[in-house]
N, C-alpha and C. Protein backbone atom coordinates (compact mmCIF):
# COMPACT_ATOMS: atom_id res chain seq x y z
N MET A 1 -7.97 1.35 -11.05
CA MET A 1 -6.59 1.63 -11.36
C MET A 1 -6.01 0.41 -12.06
N VAL A 2 -5.24 0.66 -13.07
CA VAL A 2 -4.56 -0.40 -13.81
C VAL A 2 -3.07 -0.09 -13.78
N ILE A 3 -2.27 -1.09 -13.42
CA ILE A 3 -0.82 -0.95 -13.41
C ILE A 3 -0.27 -1.96 -14.40
N ARG A 4 0.53 -1.46 -15.35
CA ARG A 4 1.12 -2.32 -16.38
C ARG A 4 2.63 -2.30 -16.27
N ASP A 5 3.27 -3.37 -16.76
CA ASP A 5 4.73 -3.40 -16.76
C ASP A 5 5.26 -2.60 -17.96
N ALA A 6 6.56 -2.59 -18.13
CA ALA A 6 7.20 -1.80 -19.19
C ALA A 6 6.78 -2.24 -20.58
N HIS A 7 6.28 -3.47 -20.71
CA HIS A 7 5.85 -4.00 -22.01
C HIS A 7 4.34 -3.89 -22.22
N GLY A 8 3.65 -3.31 -21.27
CA GLY A 8 2.20 -3.13 -21.39
C GLY A 8 1.37 -4.26 -20.82
N ALA A 9 2.03 -5.29 -20.27
CA ALA A 9 1.29 -6.42 -19.69
C ALA A 9 0.70 -6.00 -18.34
N LEU A 10 -0.49 -6.48 -18.09
CA LEU A 10 -1.20 -6.16 -16.85
C LEU A 10 -0.47 -6.73 -15.64
N GLU A 11 -0.18 -5.88 -14.67
CA GLU A 11 0.42 -6.29 -13.40
C GLU A 11 -0.64 -6.36 -12.31
N GLN A 12 -1.45 -5.31 -12.20
CA GLN A 12 -2.47 -5.21 -11.17
C GLN A 12 -3.64 -4.41 -11.72
N SER A 13 -4.82 -4.72 -11.27
CA SER A 13 -5.98 -3.86 -11.55
C SER A 13 -6.95 -4.00 -10.39
N PHE A 14 -7.62 -2.92 -10.09
CA PHE A 14 -8.60 -2.94 -9.02
C PHE A 14 -9.51 -1.75 -9.19
N SER A 15 -10.66 -1.84 -8.56
CA SER A 15 -11.59 -0.70 -8.56
C SER A 15 -12.24 -0.63 -7.18
N LEU A 16 -12.66 0.56 -6.82
CA LEU A 16 -13.37 0.77 -5.58
C LEU A 16 -14.19 2.03 -5.71
N GLY A 17 -15.22 2.12 -4.91
CA GLY A 17 -16.08 3.30 -4.94
C GLY A 17 -15.41 4.48 -4.26
N ALA A 18 -15.49 5.64 -4.87
CA ALA A 18 -14.86 6.84 -4.31
C ALA A 18 -15.36 7.12 -2.89
N ALA A 19 -16.64 6.90 -2.66
CA ALA A 19 -17.22 7.17 -1.34
C ALA A 19 -16.68 6.23 -0.27
N ASP A 20 -16.05 5.13 -0.69
CA ASP A 20 -15.54 4.15 0.26
C ASP A 20 -14.15 4.49 0.78
N THR A 21 -13.57 5.60 0.34
CA THR A 21 -12.23 5.99 0.79
C THR A 21 -12.28 7.36 1.44
N GLN A 22 -11.32 7.61 2.33
CA GLN A 22 -11.25 8.93 2.98
C GLN A 22 -10.81 9.98 1.98
N VAL A 23 -9.84 9.65 1.14
CA VAL A 23 -9.27 10.64 0.22
C VAL A 23 -10.25 11.03 -0.88
N LEU A 24 -10.95 10.07 -1.46
CA LEU A 24 -11.80 10.36 -2.62
C LEU A 24 -13.23 10.74 -2.26
N GLY A 25 -13.72 10.27 -1.13
CA GLY A 25 -15.10 10.54 -0.75
C GLY A 25 -15.34 12.02 -0.49
N GLY A 26 -16.47 12.50 -0.92
CA GLY A 26 -16.86 13.88 -0.64
C GLY A 26 -16.37 14.92 -1.64
N ALA A 27 -15.85 14.49 -2.78
CA ALA A 27 -15.41 15.47 -3.78
C ALA A 27 -16.60 16.35 -4.18
N GLU A 28 -16.34 17.66 -4.29
CA GLU A 28 -17.41 18.61 -4.57
C GLU A 28 -17.46 19.10 -6.00
N SER A 29 -16.45 18.76 -6.81
CA SER A 29 -16.43 19.18 -8.21
C SER A 29 -15.46 18.28 -8.97
N VAL A 30 -15.46 18.40 -10.27
CA VAL A 30 -14.53 17.64 -11.10
C VAL A 30 -13.09 18.00 -10.71
N GLN A 31 -12.83 19.29 -10.53
CA GLN A 31 -11.48 19.73 -10.16
C GLN A 31 -11.08 19.17 -8.79
N ASP A 32 -12.03 19.17 -7.85
CA ASP A 32 -11.75 18.63 -6.52
C ASP A 32 -11.45 17.14 -6.62
N MET A 33 -12.19 16.40 -7.45
CA MET A 33 -11.94 14.97 -7.62
C MET A 33 -10.57 14.75 -8.27
N GLN A 34 -10.20 15.57 -9.25
CA GLN A 34 -8.89 15.43 -9.88
C GLN A 34 -7.77 15.63 -8.85
N ARG A 35 -7.93 16.64 -8.01
CA ARG A 35 -6.94 16.88 -6.95
C ARG A 35 -6.87 15.69 -6.00
N ARG A 36 -8.03 15.19 -5.60
CA ARG A 36 -8.08 14.05 -4.68
C ARG A 36 -7.47 12.79 -5.31
N LEU A 37 -7.72 12.57 -6.60
CA LEU A 37 -7.12 11.42 -7.28
C LEU A 37 -5.59 11.53 -7.25
N GLY A 38 -5.09 12.73 -7.47
CA GLY A 38 -3.64 12.95 -7.39
C GLY A 38 -3.10 12.62 -6.01
N GLU A 39 -3.83 12.99 -4.97
CA GLU A 39 -3.42 12.68 -3.60
C GLU A 39 -3.51 11.18 -3.31
N TRP A 40 -4.51 10.52 -3.88
CA TRP A 40 -4.67 9.08 -3.67
C TRP A 40 -3.53 8.32 -4.35
N ILE A 41 -3.17 8.75 -5.56
CA ILE A 41 -2.11 8.07 -6.31
C ILE A 41 -0.74 8.39 -5.72
N THR A 42 -0.51 9.63 -5.34
CA THR A 42 0.76 10.05 -4.76
C THR A 42 0.46 10.81 -3.47
N PRO A 43 0.28 10.09 -2.36
CA PRO A 43 -0.07 10.74 -1.11
C PRO A 43 0.95 11.80 -0.70
N ALA A 44 0.46 12.95 -0.28
CA ALA A 44 1.34 14.03 0.17
C ALA A 44 2.15 13.57 1.37
N GLY A 45 3.44 13.81 1.32
CA GLY A 45 4.30 13.45 2.44
C GLY A 45 4.46 11.96 2.63
N ALA A 46 4.15 11.17 1.62
CA ALA A 46 4.27 9.72 1.75
C ALA A 46 5.73 9.36 2.04
N SER A 47 5.96 8.79 3.18
CA SER A 47 7.32 8.41 3.54
C SER A 47 7.57 6.94 3.27
N ALA A 48 6.53 6.15 3.12
CA ALA A 48 6.67 4.72 2.88
C ALA A 48 6.69 4.45 1.38
N ASP A 49 7.86 4.64 0.77
CA ASP A 49 7.95 4.41 -0.67
C ASP A 49 8.92 3.30 -1.04
N SER A 50 9.45 2.61 -0.03
CA SER A 50 10.27 1.43 -0.28
C SER A 50 10.03 0.43 0.84
N THR A 51 10.33 -0.83 0.57
CA THR A 51 10.06 -1.87 1.56
C THR A 51 10.89 -1.68 2.83
N GLY A 52 11.98 -0.93 2.74
CA GLY A 52 12.75 -0.61 3.93
C GLY A 52 11.98 0.25 4.91
N ASP A 53 10.90 0.90 4.43
CA ASP A 53 10.06 1.74 5.28
C ASP A 53 8.97 0.96 6.01
N LEU A 54 8.83 -0.32 5.68
CA LEU A 54 7.81 -1.13 6.37
C LEU A 54 8.15 -1.24 7.85
N PRO A 55 7.14 -1.39 8.70
CA PRO A 55 7.41 -1.50 10.14
C PRO A 55 8.15 -2.80 10.47
N ALA A 56 8.93 -2.74 11.52
CA ALA A 56 9.67 -3.93 11.97
C ALA A 56 8.69 -4.99 12.48
N TRP A 57 9.08 -6.23 12.30
CA TRP A 57 8.31 -7.36 12.83
C TRP A 57 9.15 -7.94 13.95
N GLU A 58 8.87 -7.51 15.15
CA GLU A 58 9.66 -7.90 16.31
C GLU A 58 9.52 -9.39 16.59
N THR A 59 10.59 -9.99 17.09
CA THR A 59 10.58 -11.39 17.47
C THR A 59 9.47 -11.63 18.48
N GLY A 60 8.67 -12.65 18.22
CA GLY A 60 7.57 -12.99 19.12
C GLY A 60 6.26 -12.29 18.83
N ALA A 61 6.30 -11.21 18.02
CA ALA A 61 5.06 -10.50 17.67
C ALA A 61 4.31 -11.29 16.60
N GLN A 62 2.98 -11.18 16.61
CA GLN A 62 2.18 -11.89 15.61
C GLN A 62 2.25 -11.22 14.25
N THR A 63 2.37 -9.88 14.24
CA THR A 63 2.46 -9.12 13.00
C THR A 63 3.39 -7.93 13.21
N PRO A 64 3.85 -7.32 12.13
CA PRO A 64 4.61 -6.09 12.27
C PRO A 64 3.69 -4.96 12.74
N ALA A 65 4.26 -3.97 13.40
CA ALA A 65 3.48 -2.81 13.84
C ALA A 65 4.40 -1.62 14.01
N SER A 66 3.80 -0.43 13.85
CA SER A 66 4.54 0.81 14.05
C SER A 66 3.64 1.75 14.84
N GLY A 67 4.08 2.14 16.01
CA GLY A 67 3.27 3.03 16.85
C GLY A 67 1.92 2.45 17.20
N GLY A 68 1.83 1.13 17.32
CA GLY A 68 0.57 0.49 17.64
C GLY A 68 -0.34 0.27 16.45
N VAL A 69 0.09 0.72 15.25
CA VAL A 69 -0.71 0.53 14.03
C VAL A 69 -0.25 -0.76 13.36
N PRO A 70 -1.14 -1.76 13.26
CA PRO A 70 -0.74 -3.04 12.70
C PRO A 70 -0.58 -3.03 11.18
N PHE A 71 0.33 -3.86 10.71
CA PHE A 71 0.50 -4.12 9.29
C PHE A 71 0.36 -5.62 9.14
N THR A 72 -0.58 -6.08 8.32
CA THR A 72 -0.82 -7.50 8.15
C THR A 72 -0.22 -7.96 6.84
N PRO A 73 0.87 -8.76 6.90
CA PRO A 73 1.47 -9.26 5.67
C PRO A 73 0.50 -10.16 4.91
N THR A 74 0.71 -10.25 3.61
CA THR A 74 -0.08 -11.10 2.74
C THR A 74 -0.09 -12.52 3.29
N LEU A 75 -1.24 -13.17 3.19
CA LEU A 75 -1.41 -14.53 3.69
C LEU A 75 -0.27 -15.42 3.20
N GLY A 76 0.34 -16.11 4.12
CA GLY A 76 1.41 -17.04 3.78
C GLY A 76 2.80 -16.44 3.92
N MET A 77 2.90 -15.12 4.07
CA MET A 77 4.21 -14.50 4.23
C MET A 77 4.62 -14.58 5.69
N GLY A 78 5.73 -15.24 5.93
CA GLY A 78 6.25 -15.37 7.28
C GLY A 78 7.21 -14.25 7.64
N ARG A 79 7.63 -14.24 8.88
CA ARG A 79 8.51 -13.19 9.38
C ARG A 79 9.83 -13.14 8.60
N ALA A 80 10.43 -14.30 8.31
CA ALA A 80 11.73 -14.33 7.61
C ALA A 80 11.60 -13.70 6.21
N GLU A 81 10.56 -14.07 5.47
CA GLU A 81 10.35 -13.51 4.12
C GLU A 81 10.09 -12.00 4.21
N TYR A 82 9.30 -11.60 5.19
CA TYR A 82 8.99 -10.18 5.39
C TYR A 82 10.26 -9.40 5.70
N GLN A 83 11.08 -9.91 6.62
CA GLN A 83 12.31 -9.22 6.99
C GLN A 83 13.27 -9.15 5.80
N ALA A 84 13.33 -10.19 4.98
CA ALA A 84 14.18 -10.17 3.78
C ALA A 84 13.70 -9.10 2.81
N LEU A 85 12.39 -8.97 2.66
CA LEU A 85 11.82 -7.95 1.77
C LEU A 85 12.15 -6.55 2.29
N ARG A 86 12.07 -6.35 3.59
CA ARG A 86 12.47 -5.05 4.18
C ARG A 86 13.93 -4.75 3.87
N ALA A 87 14.78 -5.75 4.01
CA ALA A 87 16.22 -5.57 3.79
C ALA A 87 16.54 -5.22 2.33
N GLN A 88 15.70 -5.69 1.40
CA GLN A 88 15.92 -5.39 -0.03
C GLN A 88 15.69 -3.92 -0.34
N ASP A 89 14.89 -3.23 0.47
CA ASP A 89 14.58 -1.81 0.27
C ASP A 89 14.08 -1.56 -1.16
N ALA A 90 13.19 -2.44 -1.62
CA ALA A 90 12.64 -2.38 -2.98
C ALA A 90 11.59 -1.28 -3.09
N PRO A 91 11.40 -0.73 -4.30
CA PRO A 91 10.35 0.27 -4.50
C PRO A 91 8.99 -0.29 -4.09
N MET A 92 8.19 0.55 -3.45
CA MET A 92 6.90 0.13 -2.92
C MET A 92 5.87 1.22 -3.16
N TYR A 93 4.62 0.80 -3.34
CA TYR A 93 3.51 1.74 -3.50
C TYR A 93 2.39 1.29 -2.59
N CYS A 94 1.92 2.19 -1.74
CA CYS A 94 0.79 1.92 -0.86
C CYS A 94 -0.35 2.88 -1.21
N TYR A 95 -1.56 2.37 -1.20
CA TYR A 95 -2.72 3.19 -1.56
C TYR A 95 -3.90 2.81 -0.67
N GLU A 96 -4.78 3.77 -0.44
CA GLU A 96 -5.96 3.58 0.38
C GLU A 96 -6.96 2.69 -0.36
N THR A 97 -7.44 1.66 0.33
CA THR A 97 -8.42 0.74 -0.26
C THR A 97 -9.79 0.85 0.40
N SER A 98 -9.84 1.50 1.56
CA SER A 98 -11.10 1.74 2.25
C SER A 98 -10.84 2.85 3.27
N ARG A 99 -11.84 3.16 4.04
CA ARG A 99 -11.66 4.21 5.06
C ARG A 99 -10.75 3.76 6.21
N GLU A 100 -10.49 2.47 6.32
CA GLU A 100 -9.67 1.95 7.42
C GLU A 100 -8.43 1.19 6.99
N THR A 101 -8.22 0.99 5.70
CA THR A 101 -7.09 0.17 5.27
C THR A 101 -6.38 0.74 4.04
N GLY A 102 -5.14 0.35 3.92
CA GLY A 102 -4.36 0.66 2.73
C GLY A 102 -3.56 -0.58 2.36
N ALA A 103 -3.43 -0.84 1.07
CA ALA A 103 -2.68 -1.99 0.58
C ALA A 103 -1.32 -1.52 0.08
N CYS A 104 -0.34 -2.41 0.18
CA CYS A 104 1.00 -2.10 -0.29
C CYS A 104 1.48 -3.14 -1.30
N LEU A 105 2.08 -2.65 -2.38
CA LEU A 105 2.66 -3.48 -3.44
C LEU A 105 4.14 -3.14 -3.52
N ALA A 106 4.97 -4.11 -3.88
CA ALA A 106 6.40 -3.86 -4.03
C ALA A 106 6.91 -4.50 -5.30
N VAL A 107 7.95 -3.91 -5.85
CA VAL A 107 8.64 -4.50 -6.99
C VAL A 107 9.42 -5.69 -6.45
N HIS A 108 9.18 -6.87 -7.06
CA HIS A 108 9.82 -8.10 -6.58
C HIS A 108 9.95 -9.07 -7.75
N ASN A 109 11.15 -9.56 -7.99
CA ASN A 109 11.41 -10.52 -9.07
C ASN A 109 10.87 -10.06 -10.41
N GLY A 110 11.04 -8.78 -10.71
CA GLY A 110 10.64 -8.25 -12.01
C GLY A 110 9.17 -7.94 -12.16
N GLY A 111 8.39 -8.07 -11.11
CA GLY A 111 6.96 -7.77 -11.17
C GLY A 111 6.51 -7.10 -9.89
N LEU A 112 5.20 -7.04 -9.69
CA LEU A 112 4.64 -6.48 -8.46
C LEU A 112 4.17 -7.60 -7.55
N MET A 113 4.42 -7.40 -6.28
CA MET A 113 4.01 -8.38 -5.29
C MET A 113 3.17 -7.67 -4.23
N GLU A 114 2.04 -8.25 -3.89
CA GLU A 114 1.25 -7.70 -2.79
C GLU A 114 1.96 -8.05 -1.49
N ILE A 115 2.23 -7.01 -0.69
CA ILE A 115 2.96 -7.21 0.55
C ILE A 115 2.01 -7.42 1.71
N GLY A 116 0.97 -6.58 1.78
CA GLY A 116 0.04 -6.70 2.88
C GLY A 116 -0.83 -5.47 3.02
N VAL A 117 -1.47 -5.36 4.18
CA VAL A 117 -2.46 -4.33 4.42
C VAL A 117 -2.13 -3.58 5.71
N GLN A 118 -2.16 -2.25 5.62
CA GLN A 118 -2.00 -1.37 6.78
C GLN A 118 -3.40 -1.04 7.28
N THR A 119 -3.64 -1.18 8.57
CA THR A 119 -4.93 -0.85 9.14
C THR A 119 -4.78 0.40 9.99
N TYR A 120 -5.70 1.34 9.84
CA TYR A 120 -5.66 2.58 10.60
C TYR A 120 -7.07 3.02 10.94
N ALA A 121 -7.17 3.91 11.89
CA ALA A 121 -8.49 4.40 12.31
C ALA A 121 -9.11 5.21 11.19
N GLY A 122 -10.39 4.99 10.92
CA GLY A 122 -11.05 5.66 9.82
C GLY A 122 -12.03 6.67 10.19
């Protein structure tokens, strides 16, 4: 996947094997893969589409969590910066990166910023 800014400059790029994800693995036809790619890019029922949807980082907790599911902020991001990002309610995009994790990016200072990784049972 390649994400470019409004001027065509590269913001993010990454690749992964289809078999390494829950959504893309096991496609049975070209049409099935196209459908799955659409779901991977725009997850059905995705409720986390802004930084305001990120889980709270409670005082004293090592990381933010929601319903026991941990969210690990990008290395170096402290609680204060994370809470400020949540308060901004900036546009955010999260996508599956493996069978157990998803990464989240947010619009920040005119570009994309990696926020962190959501870990879930695979």
